[in-house]
Amino acid sequence: DRDRAASAIPHVKPGVVPATIARGAAEYRTTVRLTSPADEGPTQATFLRWVWYAARREGLHLDAADDEFSTDERVESALRT
């Protein structure tokens, strides 16, 4: 869940819970209060990476792209190396 991922990111302002809202058309907005404006770039990069990997683990494609990253053949090949 996005709020849980956002809460675990370094630099989140203590005592403030991140909030995610649905914007429609499969779009969401997550608001994360930070301890410093200087942390915005690294925090956004970390959050997007964490959410992308979490979505991949659940078999979701955030960009609606169809890919072949996790085919049985590729997984077996990776396990053999």
PDB file of N, CA and C in Angstrom:
ATOM      1  N   ASP A   1       0.841  -1.178   0.000  1.00  0.00           N
ATOM      2  CA  ASP A   1       0.000   0.000   0.000  1.00  0.00           C
ATOM      3  C   ASP A   1       0.883   1.237   0.000  1.00  0.00           C
ATOM      4  N   ARG A   2       0.483   2.242  -0.765  1.00  0.00           N
ATOM      5  CA  ARG A   2       1.328   3.422  -0.977  1.00  0.00           C
ATOM      6  C   ARG A   2       1.628   4.174   0.319  1.00  0.00           C
ATOM      7  N   ASP A   3       0.618   4.335   1.182  1.00  0.00           N
ATOM      8  CA  ASP A   3       0.847   5.073   2.424  1.00  0.00           C
ATOM      9  C   ASP A   3       1.862   4.366   3.309  1.00  0.00           C
ATOM     10  N   ARG A   4       1.804   3.044   3.363  1.00  0.00           N
ATOM     11  CA  ARG A   4       2.762   2.290   4.167  1.00  0.00           C
ATOM     12  C   ARG A   4       4.167   2.453   3.597  1.00  0.00           C
ATOM     13  N   ALA A   5       4.303   2.377   2.278  1.00  0.00           N
ATOM     14  CA  ALA A   5       5.612   2.567   1.649  1.00  0.00           C
ATOM     15  C   ALA A   5       6.122   3.977   1.913  1.00  0.00           C
ATOM     16  N   ALA A   6       5.252   4.962   1.791  1.00  0.00           N
ATOM     17  CA  ALA A   6       5.660   6.348   2.008  1.00  0.00           C
ATOM     18  C   ALA A   6       6.071   6.597   3.452  1.00  0.00           C
ATOM     19  N   SER A   7       5.405   5.967   4.406  1.00  0.00           N
ATOM     20  CA  SER A   7       5.740   6.159   5.823  1.00  0.00           C
ATOM     21  C   SER A   7       7.128   5.644   6.166  1.00  0.00           C
ATOM     22  N   ALA A   8       7.612   4.666   5.417  1.00  0.00           N
ATOM     23  CA  ALA A   8       8.906   4.051   5.712  1.00  0.00           C
ATOM     24  C   ALA A   8      10.082   4.800   5.094  1.00  0.00           C
ATOM     25  N   ILE A   9       9.827   5.783   4.276  1.00  0.00           N
ATOM     26  CA  ILE A   9      10.900   6.511   3.593  1.00  0.00           C
ATOM     27  C   ILE A   9      11.620   7.425   4.581  1.00  0.00           C
ATOM     28  N   PRO A  10      12.951   7.460   4.498  1.00  0.00           N
ATOM     29  CA  PRO A  10      13.692   8.405   5.338  1.00  0.00           C
ATOM     30  C   PRO A  10      13.242   9.843   5.030  1.00  0.00           C
ATOM     31  N   HIS A  11      13.354  10.715   5.970  1.00  0.00           N
ATOM     32  CA  HIS A  11      13.059  12.146   5.851  1.00  0.00           C
ATOM     33  C   HIS A  11      11.576  12.489   5.946  1.00  0.00           C
ATOM     34  N   VAL A  12      10.700  11.495   6.184  1.00  0.00           N
ATOM     35  CA  VAL A  12       9.285  11.809   6.382  1.00  0.00           C
ATOM     36  C   VAL A  12       9.151  12.532   7.718  1.00  0.00           C
ATOM     37  N   LYS A  13       8.381  13.600   7.719  1.00  0.00           N
ATOM     38  CA  LYS A  13       8.213  14.398   8.929  1.00  0.00           C
ATOM     39  C   LYS A  13       7.575  13.548  10.023  1.00  0.00           C
ATOM     40  N   PRO A  14       8.197  13.490  11.199  1.00  0.00           N
ATOM     41  CA  PRO A  14       7.650  12.681  12.298  1.00  0.00           C
ATOM     42  C   PRO A  14       6.246  13.141  12.692  1.00  0.00           C
ATOM     43  N   GLY A  15       5.386  12.166  12.956  1.00  0.00           N
ATOM     44  CA  GLY A  15       4.041  12.467  13.416  1.00  0.00           C
ATOM     45  C   GLY A  15       3.043  12.811  12.323  1.00  0.00           C
ATOM     46  N   VAL A  16       3.498  12.854  11.074  1.00  0.00           N
ATOM     47  CA  VAL A  16       2.600  13.169   9.964  1.00  0.00           C
ATOM     48  C   VAL A  16       2.485  11.933   9.076  1.00  0.00           C
ATOM     49  N   VAL A  17       1.268  11.470   8.868  1.00  0.00           N
ATOM     50  CA  VAL A  17       1.033  10.263   8.077  1.00  0.00           C
ATOM     51  C   VAL A  17       0.844  10.641   6.608  1.00  0.00           C
ATOM     52  N   PRO A  18       1.573  10.002   5.695  1.00  0.00           N
ATOM     53  CA  PRO A  18       1.353  10.254   4.267  1.00  0.00           C
ATOM     54  C   PRO A  18      -0.082   9.899   3.877  1.00  0.00           C
ATOM     55  N   ALA A  19      -0.586  10.552   2.843  1.00  0.00           N
ATOM     56  CA  ALA A  19      -1.959  10.310   2.393  1.00  0.00           C
ATOM     57  C   ALA A  19      -1.978  10.100   0.884  1.00  0.00           C
ATOM     58  N   THR A  20      -2.761   9.121   0.448  1.00  0.00           N
ATOM     59  CA  THR A  20      -2.921   8.839  -0.977  1.00  0.00           C
ATOM     60  C   THR A  20      -4.386   8.987  -1.348  1.00  0.00           C
ATOM     61  N   ILE A  21      -4.641   9.670  -2.467  1.00  0.00           N
ATOM     62  CA  ILE A  21      -6.007   9.817  -2.961  1.00  0.00           C
ATOM     63  C   ILE A  21      -6.074   9.315  -4.403  1.00  0.00           C
ATOM     64  N   ALA A  22      -7.210   8.745  -4.764  1.00  0.00           N
ATOM     65  CA  ALA A  22      -7.444   8.333  -6.149  1.00  0.00           C
ATOM     66  C   ALA A  22      -7.870   9.558  -6.944  1.00  0.00           C
ATOM     67  N   ARG A  23      -7.249   9.729  -8.111  1.00  0.00           N
ATOM     68  CA  ARG A  23      -7.587  10.865  -8.965  1.00  0.00           C
ATOM     69  C   ARG A  23      -8.448  10.450 -10.148  1.00  0.00           C
ATOM     70  N   GLY A  24      -8.704   9.165 -10.287  1.00  0.00           N
ATOM     71  CA  GLY A  24      -9.475   8.664 -11.420  1.00  0.00           C
ATOM     72  C   GLY A  24      -8.558   8.220 -12.544  1.00  0.00           C
ATOM     73  N   ALA A  25      -9.091   7.460 -13.472  1.00  0.00           N
ATOM     74  CA  ALA A  25      -8.334   6.963 -14.635  1.00  0.00           C
ATOM     75  C   ALA A  25      -7.059   6.250 -14.202  1.00  0.00           C
ATOM     76  N   ALA A  26      -7.150   5.469 -13.118  1.00  0.00           N
ATOM     77  CA  ALA A  26      -6.015   4.691 -12.598  1.00  0.00           C
ATOM     78  C   ALA A  26      -4.845   5.571 -12.178  1.00  0.00           C
ATOM     79  N   GLU A  27      -5.123   6.788 -11.738  1.00  0.00           N
ATOM     80  CA  GLU A  27      -4.079   7.693 -11.252  1.00  0.00           C
ATOM     81  C   GLU A  27      -4.298   7.972  -9.770  1.00  0.00           C
ATOM     82  N   TYR A  28      -3.187   8.124  -9.058  1.00  0.00           N
ATOM     83  CA  TYR A  28      -3.217   8.401  -7.626  1.00  0.00           C
ATOM     84  C   TYR A  28      -2.247   9.526  -7.313  1.00  0.00           C
ATOM     85  N   ARG A  29      -2.500  10.214  -6.211  1.00  0.00           N
ATOM     86  CA  ARG A  29      -1.566  11.233  -5.729  1.00  0.00           C
ATOM     87  C   ARG A  29      -1.269  10.930  -4.275  1.00  0.00           C
ATOM     88  N   THR A  30       0.015  10.860  -3.953  1.00  0.00           N
ATOM     89  CA  THR A  30       0.448  10.625  -2.581  1.00  0.00           C
ATOM     90  C   THR A  30       1.142  11.877  -2.079  1.00  0.00           C
ATOM     91  N   THR A  31       0.734  12.341  -0.908  1.00  0.00           N
ATOM     92  CA  THR A  31       1.346  13.506  -0.277  1.00  0.00           C
ATOM     93  C   THR A  31       2.171  13.026   0.905  1.00  0.00           C
ATOM     94  N   VAL A  32       3.440  13.425   0.902  1.00  0.00           N
ATOM     95  CA  VAL A  32       4.371  13.044   1.961  1.00  0.00           C
ATOM     96  C   VAL A  32       4.983  14.326   2.510  1.00  0.00           C
ATOM     97  N   ARG A  33       4.780  14.595   3.780  1.00  0.00           N
ATOM     98  CA  ARG A  33       5.390  15.768   4.413  1.00  0.00           C
ATOM     99  C   ARG A  33       6.818  15.408   4.814  1.00  0.00           C
ATOM    100  N   LEU A  34       7.758  16.281   4.476  1.00  0.00           N
ATOM    101  CA  LEU A  34       9.174  16.011   4.723  1.00  0.00           C
ATOM    102  C   LEU A  34       9.734  16.924   5.796  1.00  0.00           C
ATOM    103  N   THR A  35      10.881  16.515   6.334  1.00  0.00           N
ATOM    104  CA  THR A  35      11.539  17.340   7.345  1.00  0.00           C
ATOM    105  C   THR A  35      12.215  18.548   6.722  1.00  0.00           C
ATOM    106  N   SER A  36      12.550  18.483   5.430  1.00  0.00           N
ATOM    107  CA  SER A  36      13.215  19.593   4.754  1.00  0.00           C
ATOM    108  C   SER A  36      12.877  19.571   3.264  1.00  0.00           C
ATOM    109  N   PRO A  37      12.682  20.740   2.650  1.00  0.00           N
ATOM    110  CA  PRO A  37      12.442  20.776   1.205  1.00  0.00           C
ATOM    111  C   PRO A  37      13.605  20.187   0.400  1.00  0.00           C
ATOM    112  N   ALA A  38      14.784  20.209   0.971  1.00  0.00           N
ATOM    113  CA  ALA A  38      15.958  19.659   0.284  1.00  0.00           C
ATOM    114  C   ALA A  38      15.846  18.150   0.081  1.00  0.00           C
ATOM    115  N   ASP A  39      14.965  17.502   0.824  1.00  0.00           N
ATOM    116  CA  ASP A  39      14.808  16.049   0.727  1.00  0.00           C
ATOM    117  C   ASP A  39      13.805  15.624  -0.347  1.00  0.00           C
ATOM    118  N   GLU A  40      13.185  16.570  -1.030  1.00  0.00           N
ATOM    119  CA  GLU A  40      12.123  16.233  -1.978  1.00  0.00           C
ATOM    120  C   GLU A  40      12.599  15.307  -3.101  1.00  0.00           C
ATOM    121  N   GLY A  41      13.686  15.646  -3.761  1.00  0.00           N
ATOM    122  CA  GLY A  41      14.173  14.842  -4.886  1.00  0.00           C
ATOM    123  C   GLY A  41      14.514  13.413  -4.498  1.00  0.00           C
ATOM    124  N   PRO A  42      15.396  13.232  -3.501  1.00  0.00           N
ATOM    125  CA  PRO A  42      15.737  11.867  -3.099  1.00  0.00           C
ATOM    126  C   PRO A  42      14.539  11.079  -2.566  1.00  0.00           C
ATOM    127  N   THR A  43      13.635  11.753  -1.860  1.00  0.00           N
ATOM    128  CA  THR A  43      12.461  11.069  -1.317  1.00  0.00           C
ATOM    129  C   THR A  43      11.533  10.616  -2.433  1.00  0.00           C
ATOM    130  N   GLN A  44      11.299  11.475  -3.408  1.00  0.00           N
ATOM    131  CA  GLN A  44      10.439  11.100  -4.529  1.00  0.00           C
ATOM    132  C   GLN A  44      11.046   9.934  -5.312  1.00  0.00           C
ATOM    133  N   ALA A  45      12.346   9.978  -5.552  1.00  0.00           N
ATOM    134  CA  ALA A  45      13.006   8.893  -6.283  1.00  0.00           C
ATOM    135  C   ALA A  45      12.882   7.571  -5.530  1.00  0.00           C
ATOM    136  N   THR A  46      13.096   7.606  -4.226  1.00  0.00           N
ATOM    137  CA  THR A  46      12.991   6.387  -3.417  1.00  0.00           C
ATOM    138  C   THR A  46      11.563   5.861  -3.419  1.00  0.00           C
ATOM    139  N   PHE A  47      10.597   6.742  -3.204  1.00  0.00           N
ATOM    140  CA  PHE A  47       9.196   6.326  -3.162  1.00  0.00           C
ATOM    141  C   PHE A  47       8.759   5.695  -4.482  1.00  0.00           C
ATOM    142  N   LEU A  48       9.074   6.342  -5.591  1.00  0.00           N
ATOM    143  CA  LEU A  48       8.674   5.803  -6.892  1.00  0.00           C
ATOM    144  C   LEU A  48       9.316   4.451  -7.159  1.00  0.00           C
ATOM    145  N   ARG A  49      10.567   4.293  -6.781  1.00  0.00           N
ATOM    146  CA  ARG A  49      11.250   3.002  -6.961  1.00  0.00           C
ATOM    147  C   ARG A  49      10.588   1.929  -6.100  1.00  0.00           C
ATOM    148  N   TRP A  50      10.315   2.242  -4.841  1.00  0.00           N
ATOM    149  CA  TRP A  50       9.692   1.267  -3.939  1.00  0.00           C
ATOM    150  C   TRP A  50       8.303   0.861  -4.437  1.00  0.00           C
ATOM    151  N   VAL A  51       7.505   1.829  -4.876  1.00  0.00           N
ATOM    152  CA  VAL A  51       6.160   1.515  -5.360  1.00  0.00           C
ATOM    153  C   VAL A  51       6.236   0.704  -6.651  1.00  0.00           C
ATOM    154  N   TRP A  52       7.177   1.026  -7.526  1.00  0.00           N
ATOM    155  CA  TRP A  52       7.340   0.274  -8.776  1.00  0.00           C
ATOM    156  C   TRP A  52       7.659  -1.186  -8.468  1.00  0.00           C
ATOM    157  N   TYR A  53       8.626  -1.412  -7.574  1.00  0.00           N
ATOM    158  CA  TYR A  53       8.982  -2.793  -7.234  1.00  0.00           C
ATOM    159  C   TYR A  53       7.837  -3.520  -6.522  1.00  0.00           C
ATOM    160  N   ALA A  54       7.123  -2.827  -5.659  1.00  0.00           N
ATOM    161  CA  ALA A  54       5.980  -3.452  -4.980  1.00  0.00           C
ATOM    162  C   ALA A  54       4.909  -3.848  -5.996  1.00  0.00           C
ATOM    163  N   ALA A  55       4.658  -2.990  -6.957  1.00  0.00           N
ATOM    164  CA  ALA A  55       3.680  -3.303  -8.000  1.00  0.00           C
ATOM    165  C   ALA A  55       4.137  -4.499  -8.824  1.00  0.00           C
ATOM    166  N   ARG A  56       5.414  -4.548  -9.149  1.00  0.00           N
ATOM    167  CA  ARG A  56       5.947  -5.675  -9.928  1.00  0.00           C
ATOM    168  C   ARG A  56       5.784  -6.988  -9.165  1.00  0.00           C
ATOM    169  N   ARG A  57       6.035  -6.953  -7.864  1.00  0.00           N
ATOM    170  CA  ARG A  57       5.875  -8.174  -7.065  1.00  0.00           C
ATOM    171  C   ARG A  57       4.434  -8.670  -7.094  1.00  0.00           C
ATOM    172  N   GLU A  58       3.492  -7.753  -7.247  1.00  0.00           N
ATOM    173  CA  GLU A  58       2.069  -8.109  -7.305  1.00  0.00           C
ATOM    174  C   GLU A  58       1.597  -8.381  -8.733  1.00  0.00           C
ATOM    175  N   GLY A  59       2.517  -8.306  -9.696  1.00  0.00           N
ATOM    176  CA  GLY A  59       2.153  -8.569 -11.086  1.00  0.00           C
ATOM    177  C   GLY A  59       1.474  -7.401 -11.781  1.00  0.00           C
ATOM    178  N   LEU A  60       1.607  -6.200 -11.231  1.00  0.00           N
ATOM    179  CA  LEU A  60       0.991  -5.015 -11.825  1.00  0.00           C
ATOM    180  C   LEU A  60       2.001  -4.277 -12.690  1.00  0.00           C
ATOM    181  N   HIS A  61       1.507  -3.538 -13.660  1.00  0.00           N
ATOM    182  CA  HIS A  61       2.355  -2.734 -14.539  1.00  0.00           C
ATOM    183  C   HIS A  61       1.910  -1.284 -14.395  1.00  0.00           C
ATOM    184  N   LEU A  62       2.704  -0.462 -13.738  1.00  0.00           N
ATOM    185  CA  LEU A  62       2.305   0.916 -13.483  1.00  0.00           C
ATOM    186  C   LEU A  62       2.217   1.747 -14.747  1.00  0.00           C
ATOM    187  N   ASP A  63       2.998   1.388 -15.752  1.00  0.00           N
ATOM    188  CA  ASP A  63       3.007   2.172 -16.979  1.00  0.00           C
ATOM    189  C   ASP A  63       2.141   1.550 -18.073  1.00  0.00           C
ATOM    190  N   ALA A  64       1.358   0.548 -17.731  1.00  0.00           N
ATOM    191  CA  ALA A  64       0.471  -0.162 -18.657  1.00  0.00           C
ATOM    192  C   ALA A  64       1.227  -0.866 -19.775  1.00  0.00           C
ATOM    193  N   ALA A  65       2.532  -0.995 -19.634  1.00  0.00           N
ATOM    194  CA  ALA A  65       3.333  -1.681 -20.649  1.00  0.00           C
ATOM    195  C   ALA A  65       3.251  -3.183 -20.436  1.00  0.00           C
ATOM    196  N   ASP A  66       3.237  -3.903 -21.515  1.00  0.00           N
ATOM    197  CA  ASP A  66       3.282  -5.358 -21.453  1.00  0.00           C
ATOM    198  C   ASP A  66       4.740  -5.751 -21.616  1.00  0.00           C
ATOM    199  N   ASP A  67       5.264  -6.508 -20.690  1.00  0.00           N
ATOM    200  CA  ASP A  67       6.679  -6.863 -20.776  1.00  0.00           C
ATOM    201  C   ASP A  67       6.875  -8.349 -20.557  1.00  0.00           C
ATOM    202  N   GLU A  68       8.086  -8.770 -20.740  1.00  0.00           N
ATOM    203  CA  GLU A  68       8.434 -10.177 -20.603  1.00  0.00           C
ATOM    204  C   GLU A  68       9.526 -10.366 -19.551  1.00  0.00           C
ATOM    205  N   PHE A  69       9.599  -9.505 -18.558  1.00  0.00           N
ATOM    206  CA  PHE A  69      10.663  -9.585 -17.559  1.00  0.00           C
ATOM    207  C   PHE A  69      10.573 -10.832 -16.699  1.00  0.00           C
ATOM    208  N   SER A  70       9.398 -11.248 -16.360  1.00  0.00           N
ATOM    209  CA  SER A  70       9.247 -12.334 -15.390  1.00  0.00           C
ATOM    210  C   SER A  70       8.673 -13.605 -16.001  1.00  0.00           C
ATOM    211  N   THR A  71       9.081 -13.921 -17.203  1.00  0.00           N
ATOM    212  CA  THR A  71       8.612 -15.176 -17.785  1.00  0.00           C
ATOM    213  C   THR A  71       9.272 -16.338 -17.051  1.00  0.00           C
ATOM    214  N   ASP A  72       8.651 -17.496 -17.105  1.00  0.00           N
ATOM    215  CA  ASP A  72       9.227 -18.680 -16.455  1.00  0.00           C
ATOM    216  C   ASP A  72      10.635 -18.958 -16.968  1.00  0.00           C
ATOM    217  N   GLU A  73      10.844 -18.804 -18.268  1.00  0.00           N
ATOM    218  CA  GLU A  73      12.158 -19.064 -18.854  1.00  0.00           C
ATOM    219  C   GLU A  73      13.216 -18.106 -18.307  1.00  0.00           C
ATOM    220  N   ARG A  74      12.885 -16.840 -18.199  1.00  0.00           N
ATOM    221  CA  ARG A  74      13.858 -15.859 -17.690  1.00  0.00           C
ATOM    222  C   ARG A  74      14.169 -16.104 -16.220  1.00  0.00           C
ATOM    223  N   VAL A  75      13.163 -16.457 -15.445  1.00  0.00           N
ATOM    224  CA  VAL A  75      13.385 -16.744 -14.025  1.00  0.00           C
ATOM    225  C   VAL A  75      14.286 -17.962 -13.879  1.00  0.00           C
ATOM    226  N   GLU A  76      13.997 -19.020 -14.624  1.00  0.00           N
ATOM    227  CA  GLU A  76      14.831 -20.226 -14.566  1.00  0.00           C
ATOM    228  C   GLU A  76      16.262 -19.930 -14.986  1.00  0.00           C
ATOM    229  N   SER A  77      16.431 -19.140 -16.033  1.00  0.00           N
ATOM    230  CA  SER A  77      17.771 -18.768 -16.499  1.00  0.00           C
ATOM    231  C   SER A  77      18.518 -17.969 -15.433  1.00  0.00           C
ATOM    232  N   ALA A  78      17.828 -17.045 -14.798  1.00  0.00           N
ATOM    233  CA  ALA A  78      18.466 -16.232 -13.758  1.00  0.00           C
ATOM    234  C   ALA A  78      18.863 -17.082 -12.561  1.00  0.00           C
ATOM    235  N   LEU A  79      18.048 -18.065 -12.228  1.00  0.00           N
ATOM    236  CA  LEU A  79      18.362 -18.929 -11.088  1.00  0.00           C
ATOM    237  C   LEU A  79      19.556 -19.833 -11.373  1.00  0.00           C
ATOM    238  N   ARG A  80      19.784 -20.152 -12.642  1.00  0.00           N
ATOM    239  CA  ARG A  80      20.918 -21.005 -13.007  1.00  0.00           C
ATOM    240  C   ARG A  80      22.238 -20.253 -13.033  1.00  0.00           C
ATOM    241  N   THR A  81      22.209 -18.939 -13.104  1.00  0.00           N
ATOM    242  CA  THR A  81      23.464 -18.176 -13.198  1.00  0.00           C
ATOM    243  C   THR A  81      23.986 -17.772 -11.853  1.00  0.00           C
TER     244      THR A  81
END
